[in-house]
Amino acid sequence: MNRRQMIGLALPLIAAPSLVMAQTGNAAPSDPYQPTEVPIREGFEVGSIVVVSDDFFLYHVIAPGRAIRYGVAVGEAELVWKGRARIGRKVEWPSWTPTQAMIEREPDQYAQYADGMPGGPKNPLGARALYLYDANGNDTAIRIHGTTQPGSIGRAVSNGCIRMRNEAVMSLFEQVPIGTPVYVY
């Protein structure tokens, strides 16, 4: 066997690992909860927010029929809030006080915070919060907020609010004004 034949046989063996990596993908599988531009049903106002609780996605409508999709965590079965609201308030590093119902359901976990918890990196509302108000201007006690538990995204784990990864809620926070319509299904 001459040198040319030997090189010809060796090249596929050298290239094989990179071909396998290219076919299987050398990165972890794509995270379905990362922000992604997607089509959305026409009819929602540009700028509005649409949450599909059962699918764990929040859509920020950026153009007719187009939205940025974010992964979210939502309330457990009996705690899922659904309805129409508007963003009535926006807060960076919000403070947090558990509701009386939360304290009654899980006193060991929440009673210690009955007087509230200041905003900051350990606060369960995370880096930003969008406060949802009903058509009469009343606070619904539902928030679209960050989380200290990014692994909860894509699950029903909260006490009713809509959680996003901190970097996602920070991005959304900058894009939506007070008064933005929110539809939660």
Protein backbone atom coordinates (compact mmCIF):
# COMPACT_ATOMS: atom_id res chain seq x y z
CA MET A 1 0.00 0.00 0.00
CA ASN A 2 1.48 3.36 -0.96
CA ARG A 3 1.37 6.56 1.03
CA ARG A 4 -1.52 8.03 -0.99
CA GLN A 5 -3.73 4.96 -0.35
CA MET A 6 -2.90 5.05 3.36
CA ILE A 7 -3.85 8.74 3.66
CA GLY A 8 -7.03 8.06 1.70
CA LEU A 9 -8.04 5.36 4.17
CA ALA A 10 -7.09 7.41 7.23
CA LEU A 11 -9.04 10.57 6.33
CA PRO A 12 -12.50 9.07 6.93
CA LEU A 13 -11.35 7.75 10.31
CA ILE A 14 -10.02 11.16 11.30
CA ALA A 15 -13.20 12.90 10.09
CA ALA A 16 -15.58 10.30 11.60
CA PRO A 17 -15.73 11.80 15.13
CA SER A 18 -16.63 15.24 13.77
CA LEU A 19 -19.27 13.73 11.46
CA VAL A 20 -20.81 11.89 14.40
CA MET A 21 -20.75 15.07 16.48
CA ALA A 22 -22.38 16.99 13.63
CA GLN A 23 -25.12 14.36 13.26
CA THR A 24 -25.90 13.96 16.94
CA GLY A 25 -25.20 17.59 17.80
CA ASN A 26 -22.30 18.40 20.06
CA ALA A 27 -24.43 20.69 22.23
CA ALA A 28 -27.16 19.76 24.66
CA PRO A 29 -30.63 19.44 23.12
CA SER A 30 -32.30 22.79 22.50
CA ASP A 31 -34.15 24.17 25.52
CA PRO A 32 -37.81 24.64 24.49
CA TYR A 33 -38.23 27.29 27.21
CA GLN A 34 -35.62 29.70 25.86
CA PRO A 35 -37.04 32.84 24.20
CA THR A 36 -37.91 32.03 20.59
CA GLU A 37 -39.74 33.95 17.87
CA VAL A 38 -42.79 31.95 16.76
CA PRO A 39 -46.04 32.39 14.82
CA ILE A 40 -49.15 33.10 16.89
CA ARG A 41 -52.83 33.22 16.05
CA GLU A 42 -53.87 36.56 14.57
CA GLY A 43 -56.18 38.78 16.59
CA PHE A 44 -54.05 39.64 19.61
CA GLU A 45 -52.95 43.25 19.91
CA VAL A 46 -49.31 43.91 19.07
CA GLY A 47 -47.57 44.35 22.41
CA SER A 48 -50.01 42.15 24.34
CA ILE A 49 -49.03 39.15 26.43
CA VAL A 50 -50.72 35.76 26.03
CA VAL A 51 -50.11 32.95 28.55
CA VAL A 52 -51.09 29.36 27.76
CA SER A 53 -50.85 27.78 31.21
CA ASP A 54 -51.29 24.17 30.12
CA ASP A 55 -48.32 24.47 27.75
CA PHE A 56 -46.12 26.55 30.10
CA PHE A 57 -45.55 29.34 27.57
CA LEU A 58 -45.93 33.11 27.61
CA TYR A 59 -46.13 34.89 24.25
CA HIS A 60 -45.26 38.55 23.79
CA VAL A 61 -46.93 39.62 20.55
CA ILE A 62 -44.37 41.62 18.52
CA ALA A 63 -46.20 41.86 15.16
CA PRO A 64 -49.46 40.58 13.67
CA GLY A 65 -49.16 36.79 13.84
CA ARG A 66 -45.65 36.87 15.45
CA ALA A 67 -44.55 36.58 19.08
CA ILE A 68 -41.59 35.91 21.29
CA ARG A 69 -42.33 32.72 23.22
CA TYR A 70 -40.94 32.32 26.75
CA GLY A 71 -41.13 29.32 29.04
CA VAL A 72 -42.96 29.83 32.33
CA ALA A 73 -44.00 28.01 35.48
CA VAL A 74 -47.60 28.40 36.55
CA GLY A 75 -49.81 27.60 39.52
CA GLU A 76 -50.57 24.07 40.55
CA ALA A 77 -53.95 22.74 39.34
CA GLU A 78 -56.21 24.38 41.88
CA LEU A 79 -54.14 27.56 41.90
CA VAL A 80 -54.02 28.37 38.18
CA TRP A 81 -55.37 31.84 37.54
CA LYS A 82 -57.02 32.45 34.17
CA GLY A 83 -58.51 35.59 32.78
CA ARG A 84 -57.86 38.96 31.22
CA ALA A 85 -55.84 41.66 32.95
CA ARG A 86 -53.56 44.62 32.32
CA ILE A 87 -50.16 45.35 33.69
CA GLY A 88 -50.92 47.89 36.42
CA ARG A 89 -47.50 48.16 38.01
CA LYS A 90 -43.89 47.23 37.27
CA VAL A 91 -41.21 46.78 39.95
CA GLU A 92 -37.48 46.04 39.81
CA TRP A 93 -36.33 43.70 42.62
CA PRO A 94 -39.81 43.62 44.20
CA SER A 95 -40.49 42.89 47.83
CA TRP A 96 -42.76 39.96 48.57
CA THR A 97 -45.35 39.03 51.16
CA PRO A 98 -47.09 35.65 50.98
CA THR A 99 -50.86 35.77 50.88
CA GLN A 100 -52.87 34.61 53.88
CA ALA A 101 -53.99 31.60 51.82
CA MET A 102 -50.35 30.64 51.18
CA ILE A 103 -49.56 30.89 54.88
CA GLU A 104 -52.60 28.75 55.75
CA ARG A 105 -51.69 26.11 53.13
CA GLU A 106 -48.01 25.87 54.12
CA PRO A 107 -47.36 27.63 57.42
CA ASP A 108 -43.92 26.06 57.94
CA GLN A 109 -42.72 27.53 54.66
CA TYR A 110 -44.48 30.90 54.56
CA ALA A 111 -45.39 32.10 58.08
CA GLN A 112 -41.86 33.41 58.66
CA TYR A 113 -42.43 35.90 55.81
CA ALA A 114 -45.85 37.12 56.97
CA ASP A 115 -44.42 40.64 57.39
CA GLY A 116 -42.77 40.51 53.98
CA MET A 117 -39.36 39.96 52.45
CA PRO A 118 -37.30 42.75 50.87
CA GLY A 119 -36.41 42.55 47.20
CA GLY A 120 -33.11 41.01 46.20
CA PRO A 121 -31.52 37.88 44.72
CA LYS A 122 -33.08 35.54 47.33
CA ASN A 123 -36.61 36.95 46.97
CA PRO A 124 -38.99 34.46 45.27
CA LEU A 125 -40.30 37.18 42.91
CA GLY A 126 -36.86 37.42 41.35
CA ALA A 127 -35.44 40.38 39.48
CA ARG A 128 -38.64 41.94 38.13
CA ALA A 129 -42.40 41.74 38.60
CA LEU A 130 -45.31 42.79 36.42
CA TYR A 131 -48.44 43.21 38.57
CA LEU A 132 -51.72 42.20 36.93
CA TYR A 133 -54.84 44.32 37.51
CA ASP A 134 -58.40 43.52 36.46
CA ALA A 135 -60.68 45.68 34.27
CA ASN A 136 -61.84 47.65 37.35
CA GLY A 137 -58.27 48.54 38.31
CA ASN A 138 -58.07 46.05 41.20
CA ASP A 139 -54.86 44.14 41.90
CA THR A 140 -55.46 40.47 41.07
CA ALA A 141 -52.53 39.41 43.35
CA ILE A 142 -51.17 37.61 40.26
CA ARG A 143 -47.71 38.54 39.04
CA ILE A 144 -45.55 37.74 36.06
CA HIS A 145 -42.21 37.60 37.83
CA GLY A 146 -38.71 36.17 37.91
CA THR A 147 -37.68 33.22 40.01
CA THR A 148 -34.91 31.97 42.23
CA GLN A 149 -35.72 28.48 40.89
CA PRO A 150 -35.07 28.52 37.12
CA GLY A 151 -35.46 24.72 37.04
CA SER A 152 -39.16 25.16 37.82
CA ILE A 153 -39.84 26.58 34.34
CA GLY A 154 -42.08 24.26 32.36
CA ARG A 155 -43.95 22.95 35.40
CA ALA A 156 -46.97 23.68 37.58
CA VAL A 157 -45.30 24.60 40.86
CA SER A 158 -46.23 28.10 41.92
CA ASN A 159 -48.99 29.50 44.10
CA GLY A 160 -50.77 31.01 41.11
CA CYS A 161 -48.33 33.52 39.69
CA ILE A 162 -46.53 33.16 36.38
CA ARG A 163 -42.79 32.65 36.81
CA MET A 164 -40.12 33.33 34.21
CA ARG A 165 -36.36 32.98 34.31
CA ASN A 166 -34.87 36.23 35.61
CA GLU A 167 -33.15 37.10 32.33
CA ALA A 168 -36.42 36.54 30.45
CA VAL A 169 -38.57 38.64 32.79
CA MET A 170 -35.93 41.40 32.70
CA SER A 171 -36.16 41.49 28.90
CA LEU A 172 -39.97 41.47 28.92
CA PHE A 173 -40.04 44.13 31.65
CA GLU A 174 -38.12 46.53 29.38
CA GLN A 175 -40.46 45.93 26.44
CA VAL A 176 -43.93 46.24 27.95
CA PRO A 177 -45.48 49.41 29.35
CA ILE A 178 -48.05 49.74 32.11
CA GLY A 179 -51.46 49.12 30.57
CA THR A 180 -50.29 46.17 28.41
CA PRO A 181 -53.16 43.67 28.00
CA VAL A 182 -52.52 40.17 29.37
CA TYR A 183 -54.58 37.11 28.46
CA VAL A 184 -54.10 33.97 30.58
CA TYR A 185 -55.64 30.73 29.31
